[in-house]
Amino acid sequence: MSWLFYFHIYMLKLILQKYKLFQFFNNLDHKIILLEITRLSILKILTTTY
């Protein structure tokens, strides 16, 4: 586990908090964007860790 891994998780948490804050979950487009961000972050974590 590198610091980069924790950094990505931290960034994801911030993004999630922002989305919750503005209640964008009501909008499907934002859900899709959030899923895409999450997916890309996970891919990045996997490629940098292994």
N, C-alpha and C. Protein backbone atom coordinates (compact mmCIF):
# COMPACT_ATOMS: atom_id res chain seq x y z
N MET A 1 0.84 -1.20 0.00
CA MET A 1 0.00 0.00 0.00
C MET A 1 0.88 1.26 0.00
N SER A 2 0.76 2.02 -1.04
CA SER A 2 1.55 3.25 -1.12
C SER A 2 0.72 4.45 -0.70
N TRP A 3 1.40 5.57 -0.55
CA TRP A 3 0.69 6.80 -0.18
C TRP A 3 -0.26 7.20 -1.29
N LEU A 4 0.07 6.81 -2.54
CA LEU A 4 -0.77 7.14 -3.69
C LEU A 4 -2.15 6.49 -3.55
N PHE A 5 -2.14 5.25 -3.06
CA PHE A 5 -3.37 4.51 -2.85
C PHE A 5 -4.30 5.27 -1.88
N TYR A 6 -3.74 5.73 -0.77
CA TYR A 6 -4.52 6.48 0.22
C TYR A 6 -4.96 7.83 -0.33
N PHE A 7 -4.10 8.41 -1.15
CA PHE A 7 -4.42 9.69 -1.77
C PHE A 7 -5.65 9.56 -2.67
N HIS A 8 -5.71 8.50 -3.46
CA HIS A 8 -6.86 8.26 -4.34
C HIS A 8 -8.14 8.07 -3.53
N ILE A 9 -8.04 7.32 -2.45
CA ILE A 9 -9.20 7.10 -1.59
C ILE A 9 -9.67 8.42 -0.99
N TYR A 10 -8.71 9.22 -0.55
CA TYR A 10 -9.02 10.53 0.02
C TYR A 10 -9.72 11.42 -1.00
N MET A 11 -9.23 11.43 -2.23
CA MET A 11 -9.83 12.22 -3.30
C MET A 11 -11.26 11.74 -3.59
N LEU A 12 -11.43 10.43 -3.62
CA LEU A 12 -12.75 9.87 -3.84
C LEU A 12 -13.73 10.29 -2.75
N LYS A 13 -13.27 10.29 -1.52
CA LYS A 13 -14.11 10.71 -0.40
C LYS A 13 -14.53 12.17 -0.55
N LEU A 14 -13.57 13.00 -0.96
CA LEU A 14 -13.88 14.42 -1.17
C LEU A 14 -14.91 14.60 -2.28
N ILE A 15 -14.73 13.87 -3.37
CA ILE A 15 -15.68 13.94 -4.49
C ILE A 15 -17.06 13.50 -4.03
N LEU A 16 -17.11 12.39 -3.30
CA LEU A 16 -18.39 11.89 -2.79
C LEU A 16 -19.07 12.90 -1.88
N GLN A 17 -18.29 13.51 -1.01
CA GLN A 17 -18.84 14.52 -0.10
C GLN A 17 -19.41 15.70 -0.87
N LYS A 18 -18.68 16.15 -1.90
CA LYS A 18 -19.14 17.26 -2.72
C LYS A 18 -20.46 16.92 -3.40
N TYR A 19 -20.53 15.71 -3.96
CA TYR A 19 -21.75 15.28 -4.64
C TYR A 19 -22.93 15.21 -3.68
N LYS A 20 -22.67 14.67 -2.51
CA LYS A 20 -23.73 14.57 -1.50
C LYS A 20 -24.18 15.96 -1.07
N LEU A 21 -23.20 16.83 -0.91
CA LEU A 21 -23.47 18.19 -0.46
C LEU A 21 -24.46 18.89 -1.38
N PHE A 22 -24.24 18.78 -2.68
CA PHE A 22 -25.10 19.45 -3.65
C PHE A 22 -26.27 18.58 -4.12
N GLN A 23 -26.34 17.36 -3.57
CA GLN A 23 -27.43 16.43 -3.88
C GLN A 23 -27.59 16.20 -5.37
N PHE A 24 -26.48 15.96 -6.03
CA PHE A 24 -26.50 15.69 -7.46
C PHE A 24 -26.96 14.26 -7.76
N PHE A 25 -27.14 13.47 -6.72
CA PHE A 25 -27.57 12.09 -6.92
C PHE A 25 -28.97 12.01 -7.51
N ASN A 26 -29.69 13.11 -7.46
CA ASN A 26 -31.02 13.16 -8.06
C ASN A 26 -30.93 13.12 -9.58
N ASN A 27 -29.76 13.50 -10.07
CA ASN A 27 -29.57 13.57 -11.51
C ASN A 27 -28.75 12.37 -12.00
N LEU A 28 -29.32 11.63 -12.95
CA LEU A 28 -28.69 10.42 -13.46
C LEU A 28 -27.33 10.70 -14.10
N ASP A 29 -27.22 11.81 -14.80
CA ASP A 29 -25.96 12.18 -15.46
C ASP A 29 -24.82 12.25 -14.46
N HIS A 30 -25.10 12.84 -13.31
CA HIS A 30 -24.07 12.98 -12.30
C HIS A 30 -23.69 11.64 -11.68
N LYS A 31 -24.68 10.75 -11.59
CA LYS A 31 -24.39 9.40 -11.09
C LYS A 31 -23.41 8.70 -12.04
N ILE A 32 -23.69 8.84 -13.32
CA ILE A 32 -22.83 8.22 -14.34
C ILE A 32 -21.42 8.81 -14.28
N ILE A 33 -21.33 10.12 -14.15
CA ILE A 33 -20.03 10.80 -14.04
C ILE A 33 -19.28 10.29 -12.81
N LEU A 34 -19.99 10.20 -11.70
CA LEU A 34 -19.37 9.73 -10.45
C LEU A 34 -18.86 8.30 -10.59
N LEU A 35 -19.67 7.44 -11.22
CA LEU A 35 -19.26 6.06 -11.45
C LEU A 35 -18.02 5.99 -12.32
N GLU A 36 -17.98 6.83 -13.33
CA GLU A 36 -16.84 6.87 -14.24
C GLU A 36 -15.57 7.33 -13.52
N ILE A 37 -15.71 8.36 -12.69
CA ILE A 37 -14.59 8.86 -11.89
C ILE A 37 -14.08 7.75 -10.97
N THR A 38 -15.00 7.04 -10.34
CA THR A 38 -14.65 5.96 -9.43
C THR A 38 -13.92 4.85 -10.18
N ARG A 39 -14.47 4.49 -11.33
CA ARG A 39 -13.90 3.41 -12.13
C ARG A 39 -12.48 3.77 -12.59
N LEU A 40 -12.30 4.97 -13.06
CA LEU A 40 -10.99 5.44 -13.51
C LEU A 40 -9.99 5.47 -12.37
N SER A 41 -10.44 5.91 -11.20
CA SER A 41 -9.57 5.98 -10.03
C SER A 41 -9.11 4.58 -9.61
N ILE A 42 -10.05 3.64 -9.63
CA ILE A 42 -9.72 2.27 -9.26
C ILE A 42 -8.72 1.68 -10.25
N LEU A 43 -8.94 1.93 -11.52
CA LEU A 43 -8.01 1.47 -12.55
C LEU A 43 -6.62 2.06 -12.33
N LYS A 44 -6.58 3.33 -12.02
CA LYS A 44 -5.31 4.01 -11.78
C LYS A 44 -4.60 3.42 -10.56
N ILE A 45 -5.35 3.16 -9.51
CA ILE A 45 -4.80 2.56 -8.29
C ILE A 45 -4.20 1.19 -8.63
N LEU A 46 -4.95 0.38 -9.36
CA LEU A 46 -4.50 -0.96 -9.71
C LEU A 46 -3.23 -0.93 -10.56
N THR A 47 -3.19 -0.02 -11.52
CA THR A 47 -2.03 0.04 -12.41
C THR A 47 -0.80 0.60 -11.70
N THR A 48 -1.00 1.47 -10.71
CA THR A 48 0.16 2.04 -10.01
C THR A 48 0.64 1.14 -8.87
N THR A 49 -0.27 0.34 -8.31
CA THR A 49 0.09 -0.49 -7.16
C THR A 49 0.79 -1.78 -7.59
N TYR A 50 0.30 -2.38 -8.68
CA TYR A 50 0.83 -3.69 -9.08
C TYR A 50 1.81 -3.62 -10.24
